Amino acid sequence: MADQMWVMVMFDLPTKSVSQRRAASRYRHLLLDMGFTMAQLSVYAKYLVNSTGLLPILPVLKKNVPAAGEVRVIRLTDEQWAGMYRYYGTVELGAESKPTQLALFTDEEFDEEPF
């Protein structure tokens, strides 16, 4: 599919007061709940099988930006994502690969016994 893409959300959110820290935490949890994964502290990414998957995401991201927060949303083709350079210290890491299937449940949901 030529339409496959990655969405990257980068943000600077104020965290000086307790209420600002709570709002920043809520925004991070919102991203996780929407299926994003943390690439770095204020950078989250999500794989989409096509560009129409971005349409319902943008209004939610915009509506929930905390006051005085700045959020940037970048669309990357799958090829651009795979071509990124990653380093951990001086060691070069390969780019993350796209998910092999849609994850409906996280491993954490199965860590506890149901009853």
PDB file of N, CA and C in Angstrom:
ATOM      1  N   MET A   1       0.836  -1.191   0.000  1.00  0.00           N
ATOM      2  CA  MET A   1       0.000   0.000   0.000  1.00  0.00           C
ATOM      3  C   MET A   1       0.876   1.248   0.000  1.00  0.00           C
ATOM      4  N   ALA A   2       0.706   2.087  -0.954  1.00  0.00           N
ATOM      5  CA  ALA A   2       1.492   3.321  -1.021  1.00  0.00           C
ATOM      6  C   ALA A   2       0.995   4.367  -0.036  1.00  0.00           C
ATOM      7  N   ASP A   3      -0.145   4.136   0.529  1.00  0.00           N
ATOM      8  CA  ASP A   3      -0.765   5.123   1.404  1.00  0.00           C
ATOM      9  C   ASP A   3      -0.341   4.977   2.870  1.00  0.00           C
ATOM     10  N   GLN A   4       0.443   3.961   3.185  1.00  0.00           N
ATOM     11  CA  GLN A   4       0.860   3.732   4.574  1.00  0.00           C
ATOM     12  C   GLN A   4       1.656   4.927   5.080  1.00  0.00           C
ATOM     13  N   MET A   5       1.444   5.259   6.343  1.00  0.00           N
ATOM     14  CA  MET A   5       2.138   6.424   6.884  1.00  0.00           C
ATOM     15  C   MET A   5       2.324   6.305   8.389  1.00  0.00           C
ATOM     16  N   TRP A   6       3.184   7.150   8.889  1.00  0.00           N
ATOM     17  CA  TRP A   6       3.404   7.304  10.324  1.00  0.00           C
ATOM     18  C   TRP A   6       3.009   8.723  10.686  1.00  0.00           C
ATOM     19  N   VAL A   7       2.404   8.892  11.838  1.00  0.00           N
ATOM     20  CA  VAL A   7       2.066  10.212  12.353  1.00  0.00           C
ATOM     21  C   VAL A   7       2.932  10.431  13.582  1.00  0.00           C
ATOM     22  N   MET A   8       3.638  11.540  13.596  1.00  0.00           N
ATOM     23  CA  MET A   8       4.478  11.880  14.738  1.00  0.00           C
ATOM     24  C   MET A   8       3.905  13.130  15.399  1.00  0.00           C
ATOM     25  N   VAL A   9       3.717  13.058  16.703  1.00  0.00           N
ATOM     26  CA  VAL A   9       3.237  14.191  17.495  1.00  0.00           C
ATOM     27  C   VAL A   9       4.376  14.625  18.408  1.00  0.00           C
ATOM     28  N   MET A  10       4.767  15.878  18.271  1.00  0.00           N
ATOM     29  CA  MET A  10       5.818  16.456  19.119  1.00  0.00           C
ATOM     30  C   MET A  10       5.198  17.607  19.886  1.00  0.00           C
ATOM     31  N   PHE A  11       5.573  17.743  21.142  1.00  0.00           N
ATOM     32  CA  PHE A  11       4.934  18.802  21.920  1.00  0.00           C
ATOM     33  C   PHE A  11       5.836  19.359  23.008  1.00  0.00           C
ATOM     34  N   ASP A  12       5.566  20.616  23.329  1.00  0.00           N
ATOM     35  CA  ASP A  12       6.108  21.285  24.512  1.00  0.00           C
ATOM     36  C   ASP A  12       4.899  21.738  25.312  1.00  0.00           C
ATOM     37  N   LEU A  13       4.766  21.202  26.496  1.00  0.00           N
ATOM     38  CA  LEU A  13       3.634  21.540  27.354  1.00  0.00           C
ATOM     39  C   LEU A  13       4.164  22.135  28.648  1.00  0.00           C
ATOM     40  N   PRO A  14       3.523  23.197  29.137  1.00  0.00           N
ATOM     41  CA  PRO A  14       3.991  23.801  30.390  1.00  0.00           C
ATOM     42  C   PRO A  14       3.814  22.834  31.553  1.00  0.00           C
ATOM     43  N   THR A  15       4.787  22.850  32.478  1.00  0.00           N
ATOM     44  CA  THR A  15       4.747  21.930  33.628  1.00  0.00           C
ATOM     45  C   THR A  15       5.197  22.611  34.917  1.00  0.00           C
ATOM     46  N   LYS A  16       5.039  23.932  34.994  1.00  0.00           N
ATOM     47  CA  LYS A  16       5.503  24.644  36.192  1.00  0.00           C
ATOM     48  C   LYS A  16       4.580  24.440  37.390  1.00  0.00           C
ATOM     49  N   SER A  17       3.285  24.377  37.157  1.00  0.00           N
ATOM     50  CA  SER A  17       2.346  24.217  38.268  1.00  0.00           C
ATOM     51  C   SER A  17       1.818  22.784  38.305  1.00  0.00           C
ATOM     52  N   VAL A  18       1.200  22.436  39.411  1.00  0.00           N
ATOM     53  CA  VAL A  18       0.620  21.095  39.564  1.00  0.00           C
ATOM     54  C   VAL A  18      -0.456  20.878  38.510  1.00  0.00           C
ATOM     55  N   SER A  19      -1.293  21.873  38.275  1.00  0.00           N
ATOM     56  CA  SER A  19      -2.369  21.713  37.288  1.00  0.00           C
ATOM     57  C   SER A  19      -1.803  21.568  35.873  1.00  0.00           C
ATOM     58  N   GLN A  20      -0.705  22.255  35.572  1.00  0.00           N
ATOM     59  CA  GLN A  20      -0.076  22.114  34.263  1.00  0.00           C
ATOM     60  C   GLN A  20       0.523  20.723  34.095  1.00  0.00           C
ATOM     61  N   ARG A  21       1.138  20.206  35.145  1.00  0.00           N
ATOM     62  CA  ARG A  21       1.708  18.858  35.074  1.00  0.00           C
ATOM     63  C   ARG A  21       0.612  17.817  34.874  1.00  0.00           C
ATOM     64  N   ARG A  22      -0.516  18.016  35.544  1.00  0.00           N
ATOM     65  CA  ARG A  22      -1.650  17.092  35.366  1.00  0.00           C
ATOM     66  C   ARG A  22      -2.167  17.141  33.932  1.00  0.00           C
ATOM     67  N   ALA A  23      -2.283  18.348  33.381  1.00  0.00           N
ATOM     68  CA  ALA A  23      -2.764  18.502  32.006  1.00  0.00           C
ATOM     69  C   ALA A  23      -1.789  17.850  31.023  1.00  0.00           C
ATOM     70  N   ALA A  24      -0.498  18.021  31.237  1.00  0.00           N
ATOM     71  CA  ALA A  24       0.509  17.397  30.377  1.00  0.00           C
ATOM     72  C   ALA A  24       0.423  15.875  30.471  1.00  0.00           C
ATOM     73  N   SER A  25       0.239  15.367  31.662  1.00  0.00           N
ATOM     74  CA  SER A  25       0.112  13.927  31.865  1.00  0.00           C
ATOM     75  C   SER A  25      -1.143  13.392  31.169  1.00  0.00           C
ATOM     76  N   ARG A  26      -2.244  14.130  31.277  1.00  0.00           N
ATOM     77  CA  ARG A  26      -3.483  13.718  30.597  1.00  0.00           C
ATOM     78  C   ARG A  26      -3.271  13.653  29.087  1.00  0.00           C
ATOM     79  N   TYR A  27      -2.529  14.624  28.533  1.00  0.00           N
ATOM     80  CA  TYR A  27      -2.288  14.639  27.091  1.00  0.00           C
ATOM     81  C   TYR A  27      -1.442  13.423  26.679  1.00  0.00           C
ATOM     82  N   ARG A  28      -0.421  13.118  27.457  1.00  0.00           N
ATOM     83  CA  ARG A  28       0.402  11.936  27.154  1.00  0.00           C
ATOM     84  C   ARG A  28      -0.433  10.655  27.213  1.00  0.00           C
ATOM     85  N   HIS A  29      -1.283  10.547  28.224  1.00  0.00           N
ATOM     86  CA  HIS A  29      -2.137   9.364  28.341  1.00  0.00           C
ATOM     87  C   HIS A  29      -3.149   9.295  27.208  1.00  0.00           C
ATOM     88  N   LEU A  30      -3.640  10.433  26.759  1.00  0.00           N
ATOM     89  CA  LEU A  30      -4.553  10.465  25.614  1.00  0.00           C
ATOM     90  C   LEU A  30      -3.862   9.880  24.386  1.00  0.00           C
ATOM     91  N   LEU A  31      -2.628  10.292  24.155  1.00  0.00           N
ATOM     92  CA  LEU A  31      -1.886   9.764  23.010  1.00  0.00           C
ATOM     93  C   LEU A  31      -1.734   8.246  23.117  1.00  0.00           C
ATOM     94  N   LEU A  32      -1.379   7.761  24.291  1.00  0.00           N
ATOM     95  CA  LEU A  32      -1.237   6.315  24.487  1.00  0.00           C
ATOM     96  C   LEU A  32      -2.565   5.600  24.263  1.00  0.00           C
ATOM     97  N   ASP A  33      -3.648   6.184  24.769  1.00  0.00           N
ATOM     98  CA  ASP A  33      -4.977   5.590  24.591  1.00  0.00           C
ATOM     99  C   ASP A  33      -5.392   5.553  23.124  1.00  0.00           C
ATOM    100  N   MET A  34      -4.863   6.489  22.329  1.00  0.00           N
ATOM    101  CA  MET A  34      -5.181   6.549  20.903  1.00  0.00           C
ATOM    102  C   MET A  34      -4.274   5.641  20.078  1.00  0.00           C
ATOM    103  N   GLY A  35      -3.385   4.908  20.732  1.00  0.00           N
ATOM    104  CA  GLY A  35      -2.547   3.955  20.033  1.00  0.00           C
ATOM    105  C   GLY A  35      -1.166   4.460  19.647  1.00  0.00           C
ATOM    106  N   PHE A  36      -0.792   5.635  20.138  1.00  0.00           N
ATOM    107  CA  PHE A  36       0.547   6.149  19.886  1.00  0.00           C
ATOM    108  C   PHE A  36       1.528   5.463  20.823  1.00  0.00           C
ATOM    109  N   THR A  37       2.781   5.394  20.404  1.00  0.00           N
ATOM    110  CA  THR A  37       3.843   4.899  21.266  1.00  0.00           C
ATOM    111  C   THR A  37       4.849   6.019  21.484  1.00  0.00           C
ATOM    112  N   MET A  38       5.469   6.016  22.638  1.00  0.00           N
ATOM    113  CA  MET A  38       6.429   7.065  22.952  1.00  0.00           C
ATOM    114  C   MET A  38       7.755   6.757  22.257  1.00  0.00           C
ATOM    115  N   ALA A  39       8.185   7.679  21.391  1.00  0.00           N
ATOM    116  CA  ALA A  39       9.482   7.551  20.735  1.00  0.00           C
ATOM    117  C   ALA A  39      10.557   8.209  21.598  1.00  0.00           C
ATOM    118  N   GLN A  40      10.219   9.338  22.182  1.00  0.00           N
ATOM    119  CA  GLN A  40      11.058  10.066  23.125  1.00  0.00           C
ATOM    120  C   GLN A  40      10.104  10.776  24.079  1.00  0.00           C
ATOM    121  N   LEU A  41      10.641  11.495  25.057  1.00  0.00           N
ATOM    122  CA  LEU A  41       9.799  12.053  26.111  1.00  0.00           C
ATOM    123  C   LEU A  41       8.600  12.848  25.584  1.00  0.00           C
ATOM    124  N   SER A  42       8.801  13.735  24.653  1.00  0.00           N
ATOM    125  CA  SER A  42       7.705  14.535  24.120  1.00  0.00           C
ATOM    126  C   SER A  42       7.474  14.277  22.641  1.00  0.00           C
ATOM    127  N   VAL A  43       7.765  13.056  22.212  1.00  0.00           N
ATOM    128  CA  VAL A  43       7.568  12.668  20.813  1.00  0.00           C
ATOM    129  C   VAL A  43       6.868  11.312  20.796  1.00  0.00           C
ATOM    130  N   TYR A  44       5.714  11.266  20.173  1.00  0.00           N
ATOM    131  CA  TYR A  44       4.928  10.046  20.081  1.00  0.00           C
ATOM    132  C   TYR A  44       4.657   9.744  18.618  1.00  0.00           C
ATOM    133  N   ALA A  45       4.543   8.471  18.271  1.00  0.00           N
ATOM    134  CA  ALA A  45       4.324   8.084  16.883  1.00  0.00           C
ATOM    135  C   ALA A  45       3.267   6.990  16.796  1.00  0.00           C
ATOM    136  N   LYS A  46       2.607   6.969  15.634  1.00  0.00           N
ATOM    137  CA  LYS A  46       1.585   5.949  15.381  1.00  0.00           C
ATOM    138  C   LYS A  46       1.620   5.576  13.908  1.00  0.00           C
ATOM    139  N   TYR A  47       1.526   4.289  13.640  1.00  0.00           N
ATOM    140  CA  TYR A  47       1.481   3.777  12.268  1.00  0.00           C
ATOM    141  C   TYR A  47       0.030   3.736  11.809  1.00  0.00           C
ATOM    142  N   LEU A  48      -0.211   4.194  10.590  1.00  0.00           N
ATOM    143  CA  LEU A  48      -1.551   4.146  10.000  1.00  0.00           C
ATOM    144  C   LEU A  48      -1.471   3.414   8.665  1.00  0.00           C
ATOM    145  N   VAL A  49      -2.441   2.555   8.408  1.00  0.00           N
ATOM    146  CA  VAL A  49      -2.430   1.805   7.149  1.00  0.00           C
ATOM    147  C   VAL A  49      -2.809   2.690   5.965  1.00  0.00           C
ATOM    148  N   ASN A  50      -3.489   3.811   6.226  1.00  0.00           N
ATOM    149  CA  ASN A  50      -3.785   4.758   5.158  1.00  0.00           C
ATOM    150  C   ASN A  50      -4.003   6.148   5.739  1.00  0.00           C
ATOM    151  N   SER A  51      -3.965   7.146   4.881  1.00  0.00           N
ATOM    152  CA  SER A  51      -4.025   8.534   5.340  1.00  0.00           C
ATOM    153  C   SER A  51      -5.393   8.921   5.892  1.00  0.00           C
ATOM    154  N   THR A  52      -6.443   8.201   5.550  1.00  0.00           N
ATOM    155  CA  THR A  52      -7.757   8.546   6.094  1.00  0.00           C
ATOM    156  C   THR A  52      -7.828   8.267   7.593  1.00  0.00           C
ATOM    157  N   GLY A  53      -6.940   7.433   8.101  1.00  0.00           N
ATOM    158  CA  GLY A  53      -6.891   7.174   9.539  1.00  0.00           C
ATOM    159  C   GLY A  53      -6.498   8.394  10.344  1.00  0.00           C
ATOM    160  N   LEU A  54      -5.914   9.382   9.682  1.00  0.00           N
ATOM    161  CA  LEU A  54      -5.514  10.610  10.370  1.00  0.00           C
ATOM    162  C   LEU A  54      -6.695  11.543  10.624  1.00  0.00           C
ATOM    163  N   LEU A  55      -7.739  11.450   9.794  1.00  0.00           N
ATOM    164  CA  LEU A  55      -8.867  12.382   9.889  1.00  0.00           C
ATOM    165  C   LEU A  55      -9.537  12.428  11.266  1.00  0.00           C
ATOM    166  N   PRO A  56      -9.826  11.312  11.911  1.00  0.00           N
ATOM    167  CA  PRO A  56     -10.444  11.400  13.242  1.00  0.00           C
ATOM    168  C   PRO A  56      -9.457  11.755  14.348  1.00  0.00           C
ATOM    169  N   ILE A  57      -8.171  11.613  14.091  1.00  0.00           N
ATOM    170  CA  ILE A  57      -7.155  11.870  15.111  1.00  0.00           C
ATOM    171  C   ILE A  57      -6.914  13.358  15.326  1.00  0.00           C
ATOM    172  N   LEU A  58      -6.810  14.107  14.239  1.00  0.00           N
ATOM    173  CA  LEU A  58      -6.459  15.532  14.330  1.00  0.00           C
ATOM    174  C   LEU A  58      -7.393  16.355  15.212  1.00  0.00           C
ATOM    175  N   PRO A  59      -8.726  16.242  15.073  1.00  0.00           N
ATOM    176  CA  PRO A  59      -9.594  17.054  15.937  1.00  0.00           C
ATOM    177  C   PRO A  59      -9.428  16.734  17.420  1.00  0.00           C
ATOM    178  N   VAL A  60      -9.180  15.477  17.752  1.00  0.00           N
ATOM    179  CA  VAL A  60      -9.003  15.082  19.157  1.00  0.00           C
ATOM    180  C   VAL A  60      -7.708  15.672  19.699  1.00  0.00           C
ATOM    181  N   LEU A  61      -6.642  15.591  18.897  1.00  0.00           N
ATOM    182  CA  LEU A  61      -5.369  16.162  19.335  1.00  0.00           C
ATOM    183  C   LEU A  61      -5.504  17.660  19.560  1.00  0.00           C
ATOM    184  N   LYS A  62      -6.154  18.341  18.625  1.00  0.00           N
ATOM    185  CA  LYS A  62      -6.318  19.796  18.718  1.00  0.00           C
ATOM    186  C   LYS A  62      -7.169  20.188  19.925  1.00  0.00           C
ATOM    187  N   LYS A  63      -8.262  19.507  20.117  1.00  0.00           N
ATOM    188  CA  LYS A  63      -9.203  19.840  21.196  1.00  0.00           C
ATOM    189  C   LYS A  63      -8.569  19.694  22.579  1.00  0.00           C
ATOM    190  N   ASN A  64      -7.619  18.784  22.717  1.00  0.00           N
ATOM    191  CA  ASN A  64      -7.071  18.464  24.034  1.00  0.00           C
ATOM    192  C   ASN A  64      -5.721  19.086  24.343  1.00  0.00           C
ATOM    193  N   VAL A  65      -5.227  19.982  23.476  1.00  0.00           N
ATOM    194  CA  VAL A  65      -3.948  20.639  23.760  1.00  0.00           C
ATOM    195  C   VAL A  65      -4.116  21.503  25.011  1.00  0.00           C
ATOM    196  N   PRO A  66      -3.295  21.303  26.033  1.00  0.00           N
ATOM    197  CA  PRO A  66      -3.398  22.131  27.240  1.00  0.00           C
ATOM    198  C   PRO A  66      -3.103  23.599  26.928  1.00  0.00           C
ATOM    199  N   ALA A  67      -3.655  24.479  27.739  1.00  0.00           N
ATOM    200  CA  ALA A  67      -3.430  25.915  27.578  1.00  0.00           C
ATOM    201  C   ALA A  67      -1.930  26.195  27.573  1.00  0.00           C
ATOM    202  N   ALA A  68      -1.489  27.049  26.665  1.00  0.00           N
ATOM    203  CA  ALA A  68      -0.086  27.447  26.506  1.00  0.00           C
ATOM    204  C   ALA A  68       0.804  26.302  26.033  1.00  0.00           C
ATOM    205  N   GLY A  69       0.204  25.214  25.572  1.00  0.00           N
ATOM    206  CA  GLY A  69       0.981  24.106  25.039  1.00  0.00           C
ATOM    207  C   GLY A  69       1.145  24.248  23.537  1.00  0.00           C
ATOM    208  N   GLU A  70       2.229  23.719  23.027  1.00  0.00           N
ATOM    209  CA  GLU A  70       2.472  23.725  21.589  1.00  0.00           C
ATOM    210  C   GLU A  70       2.613  22.288  21.111  1.00  0.00           C
ATOM    211  N   VAL A  71       1.850  21.945  20.078  1.00  0.00           N
ATOM    212  CA  VAL A  71       1.851  20.592  19.535  1.00  0.00           C
ATOM    213  C   VAL A  71       2.073  20.666  18.031  1.00  0.00           C
ATOM    214  N   ARG A  72       2.926  19.796  17.534  1.00  0.00           N
ATOM    215  CA  ARG A  72       3.162  19.686  16.098  1.00  0.00           C
ATOM    216  C   ARG A  72       2.844  18.258  15.673  1.00  0.00           C
ATOM    217  N   VAL A  73       2.159  18.129  14.549  1.00  0.00           N
ATOM    218  CA  VAL A  73       1.814  16.819  14.005  1.00  0.00           C
ATOM    219  C   VAL A  73       2.457  16.715  12.625  1.00  0.00           C
ATOM    220  N   ILE A  74       3.253  15.686  12.447  1.00  0.00           N
ATOM    221  CA  ILE A  74       3.965  15.488  11.188  1.00  0.00           C
ATOM    222  C   ILE A  74       3.543  14.152  10.584  1.00  0.00           C
ATOM    223  N   ARG A  75       3.280  14.175   9.290  1.00  0.00           N
ATOM    224  CA  ARG A  75       2.986  12.935   8.559  1.00  0.00           C
ATOM    225  C   ARG A  75       4.244  12.497   7.826  1.00  0.00           C
ATOM    226  N   LEU A  76       4.575  11.228   7.967  1.00  0.00           N
ATOM    227  CA  LEU A  76       5.741  10.664   7.290  1.00  0.00           C
ATOM    228  C   LEU A  76       5.320   9.425   6.519  1.00  0.00           C
ATOM    229  N   THR A  77       5.842   9.278   5.319  1.00  0.00           N
ATOM    230  CA  THR A  77       5.575   8.039   4.608  1.00  0.00           C
ATOM    231  C   THR A  77       6.289   6.909   5.329  1.00  0.00           C
ATOM    232  N   ASP A  78       5.868   5.704   5.051  1.00  0.00           N
ATOM    233  CA  ASP A  78       6.518   4.549   5.656  1.00  0.00           C
ATOM    234  C   ASP A  78       7.991   4.496   5.236  1.00  0.00           C
ATOM    235  N   GLU A  79       8.270   4.890   4.009  1.00  0.00           N
ATOM    236  CA  GLU A  79       9.649   4.906   3.511  1.00  0.00           C
ATOM    237  C   GLU A  79      10.497   5.944   4.256  1.00  0.00           C
ATOM    238  N   GLN A  80       9.928   7.123   4.513  1.00  0.00           N
ATOM    239  CA  GLN A  80      10.653   8.150   5.267  1.00  0.00           C
ATOM    240  C   GLN A  80      10.936   7.668   6.686  1.00  0.00           C
ATOM    241  N   TRP A  81       9.948   7.048   7.320  1.00  0.00           N
ATOM    242  CA  TRP A  81      10.125   6.539   8.684  1.00  0.00           C
ATOM    243  C   TRP A  81      11.244   5.501   8.726  1.00  0.00           C
ATOM    244  N   ALA A  82      11.230   4.590   7.757  1.00  0.00           N
ATOM    245  CA  ALA A  82      12.235   3.528   7.730  1.00  0.00           C
ATOM    246  C   ALA A  82      13.632   4.074   7.444  1.00  0.00           C
ATOM    247  N   GLY A  83      13.714   5.251   6.829  1.00  0.00           N
ATOM    248  CA  GLY A  83      15.001   5.826   6.485  1.00  0.00           C
ATOM    249  C   GLY A  83      15.613   6.704   7.565  1.00  0.00           C
ATOM    250  N   MET A  84      14.991   6.764   8.725  1.00  0.00           N
ATOM    251  CA  MET A  84      15.526   7.620   9.784  1.00  0.00           C
ATOM    252  C   MET A  84      16.798   7.021  10.382  1.00  0.00           C
ATOM    253  N   TYR A  85      17.603   7.874  10.951  1.00  0.00           N
ATOM    254  CA  TYR A  85      18.808   7.445  11.663  1.00  0.00           C
ATOM    255  C   TYR A  85      18.522   7.531  13.150  1.00  0.00           C
ATOM    256  N   ARG A  86      18.872   6.472  13.875  1.00  0.00           N
ATOM    257  CA  ARG A  86      18.656   6.430  15.317  1.00  0.00           C
ATOM    258  C   ARG A  86      19.949   6.029  16.001  1.00  0.00           C
ATOM    259  N   TYR A  87      20.240   6.694  17.111  1.00  0.00           N
ATOM    260  CA  TYR A  87      21.442   6.390  17.881  1.00  0.00           C
ATOM    261  C   TYR A  87      21.087   6.241  19.350  1.00  0.00           C
ATOM    262  N   TYR A  88      21.722   5.299  19.997  1.00  0.00           N
ATOM    263  CA  TYR A  88      21.669   5.158  21.445  1.00  0.00           C
ATOM    264  C   TYR A  88      23.108   5.286  21.896  1.00  0.00           C
ATOM    265  N   GLY A  89      23.444   6.456  22.441  1.00  0.00           N
ATOM    266  CA  GLY A  89      24.848   6.759  22.675  1.00  0.00           C
ATOM    267  C   GLY A  89      25.524   6.851  21.321  1.00  0.00           C
ATOM    268  N   THR A  90      26.601   6.143  21.147  1.00  0.00           N
ATOM    269  CA  THR A  90      27.288   6.155  19.856  1.00  0.00           C
ATOM    270  C   THR A  90      26.909   4.973  18.972  1.00  0.00           C
ATOM    271  N   VAL A  91      25.999   4.129  19.459  1.00  0.00           N
ATOM    272  CA  VAL A  91      25.592   2.948  18.703  1.00  0.00           C
ATOM    273  C   VAL A  91      24.409   3.302  17.798  1.00  0.00           C
ATOM    274  N   GLU A  92      24.551   2.978  16.507  1.00  0.00           N
ATOM    275  CA  GLU A  92      23.448   3.242  15.578  1.00  0.00           C
ATOM    276  C   GLU A  92      22.435   2.112  15.660  1.00  0.00           C
ATOM    277  N   LEU A  93      21.170   2.478  15.798  1.00  0.00           N
ATOM    278  CA  LEU A  93      20.071   1.521  15.842  1.00  0.00           C
ATOM    279  C   LEU A  93      19.311   1.595  14.526  1.00  0.00           C
ATOM    280  N   GLY A  94      18.703   0.519  14.135  1.00  0.00           N
ATOM    281  CA  GLY A  94      17.852   0.540  12.949  1.00  0.00           C
ATOM    282  C   GLY A  94      16.517   1.204  13.276  1.00  0.00           C
ATOM    283  N   ALA A  95      15.816   1.624  12.249  1.00  0.00           N
ATOM    284  CA  ALA A  95      14.489   2.219  12.439  1.00  0.00           C
ATOM    285  C   ALA A  95      13.516   1.149  12.915  1.00  0.00           C
ATOM    286  N   GLU A  96      12.516   1.575  13.679  1.00  0.00           N
ATOM    287  CA  GLU A  96      11.484   0.636  14.098  1.00  0.00           C
ATOM    288  C   GLU A  96      10.733   0.162  12.858  1.00  0.00           C
ATOM    289  N   SER A  97      10.335  -1.084  12.885  1.00  0.00           N
ATOM    290  CA  SER A  97       9.550  -1.600  11.768  1.00  0.00           C
ATOM    291  C   SER A  97       8.076  -1.357  12.032  1.00  0.00           C
ATOM    292  N   LYS A  98       7.298  -1.370  10.954  1.00  0.00           N
ATOM    293  CA  LYS A  98       5.866  -1.149  11.113  1.00  0.00           C
ATOM    294  C   LYS A  98       5.248  -2.351  11.824  1.00  0.00           C
ATOM    295  N   PRO A  99       4.142  -2.126  12.514  1.00  0.00           N
ATOM    296  CA  PRO A  99       3.481  -3.242  13.207  1.00  0.00           C
ATOM    297  C   PRO A  99       3.046  -4.311  12.204  1.00  0.00           C
ATOM    298  N   THR A 100       3.140  -5.568  12.597  1.00  0.00           N
ATOM    299  CA  THR A 100       2.741  -6.645  11.702  1.00  0.00           C
ATOM    300  C   THR A 100       1.239  -6.860  11.705  1.00  0.00           C
ATOM    301  N   GLN A 101       0.584  -6.449  12.770  1.00  0.00           N
ATOM    302  CA  GLN A 101      -0.867  -6.562  12.854  1.00  0.00           C
ATOM    303  C   GLN A 101      -1.370  -5.485  13.786  1.00  0.00           C
ATOM    304  N   LEU A 102      -2.655  -5.220  13.702  1.00  0.00           N
ATOM    305  CA  LEU A 102      -3.234  -4.229  14.604  1.00  0.00           C
ATOM    306  C   LEU A 102      -3.289  -4.794  16.006  1.00  0.00           C
ATOM    307  N   ALA A 103      -2.833  -4.030  16.971  1.00  0.00           N
ATOM    308  CA  ALA A 103      -2.854  -4.461  18.363  1.00  0.00           C
ATOM    309  C   ALA A 103      -4.149  -3.988  19.002  1.00  0.00           C
ATOM    310  N   LEU A 104      -4.993  -4.909  19.365  1.00  0.00           N
ATOM    311  CA  LEU A 104      -6.249  -4.545  20.003  1.00  0.00           C
ATOM    312  C   LEU A 104      -6.113  -4.484  21.514  1.00  0.00           C
ATOM    313  N   PHE A 105      -5.158  -5.217  22.057  1.00  0.00           N
ATOM    314  CA  PHE A 105      -4.937  -5.243  23.489  1.00  0.00           C
ATOM    315  C   PHE A 105      -3.444  -5.113  23.741  1.00  0.00           C
ATOM    316  N   THR A 106      -3.091  -4.460  24.830  1.00  0.00           N
ATOM    317  CA  THR A 106      -1.682  -4.389  25.194  1.00  0.00           C
ATOM    318  C   THR A 106      -1.352  -5.552  26.111  1.00  0.00           C
ATOM    319  N   ASP A 107      -0.079  -5.883  26.220  1.00  0.00           N
ATOM    320  CA  ASP A 107       0.352  -6.959  27.105  1.00  0.00           C
ATOM    321  C   ASP A 107      -0.024  -6.677  28.551  1.00  0.00           C
ATOM    322  N   GLU A 108      -0.062  -5.393  28.936  1.00  0.00           N
ATOM    323  CA  GLU A 108      -0.371  -5.032  30.313  1.00  0.00           C
ATOM    324  C   GLU A 108      -1.773  -5.477  30.713  1.00  0.00           C
ATOM    325  N   GLU A 109      -2.687  -5.548  29.736  1.00  0.00           N
ATOM    326  CA  GLU A 109      -4.052  -5.937  30.056  1.00  0.00           C
ATOM    327  C   GLU A 109      -4.149  -7.405  30.445  1.00  0.00           C
ATOM    328  N   PHE A 110      -3.116  -8.179  30.153  1.00  0.00           N
ATOM    329  CA  PHE A 110      -3.135  -9.594  30.451  1.00  0.00           C
ATOM    330  C   PHE A 110      -2.197  -9.967  31.581  1.00  0.00           C
ATOM    331  N   ASP A 111      -1.581  -8.964  32.219  1.00  0.00           N
ATOM    332  CA  ASP A 111      -0.637  -9.246  33.293  1.00  0.00           C
ATOM    333  C   ASP A 111      -1.314  -9.708  34.581  1.00  0.00           C
ATOM    334  N   GLU A 112      -2.552  -9.352  34.779  1.00  0.00           N
ATOM    335  CA  GLU A 112      -3.240  -9.690  36.031  1.00  0.00           C
ATOM    336  C   GLU A 112      -4.264 -10.782  35.787  1.00  0.00           C
ATOM    337  N   GLU A 113      -4.521 -11.578  36.822  1.00  0.00           N
ATOM    338  CA  GLU A 113      -5.569 -12.582  36.750  1.00  0.00           C
ATOM    339  C   GLU A 113      -6.923 -11.883  36.734  1.00  0.00           C
ATOM    340  N   PRO A 114      -7.892 -12.344  35.945  1.00  0.00           N
ATOM    341  CA  PRO A 114      -9.179 -11.648  35.845  1.00  0.00           C
ATOM    342  C   PRO A 114      -9.994 -11.622  37.130  1.00  0.00           C
ATOM    343  N   PHE A 115      -9.878 -12.647  37.981  1.00  0.00           N
ATOM    344  CA  PHE A 115     -10.670 -12.650  39.216  1.00  0.00           C
ATOM    345  C   PHE A 115      -9.886 -13.181  40.371  1.00  0.00           C
TER     346      PHE A 115
END
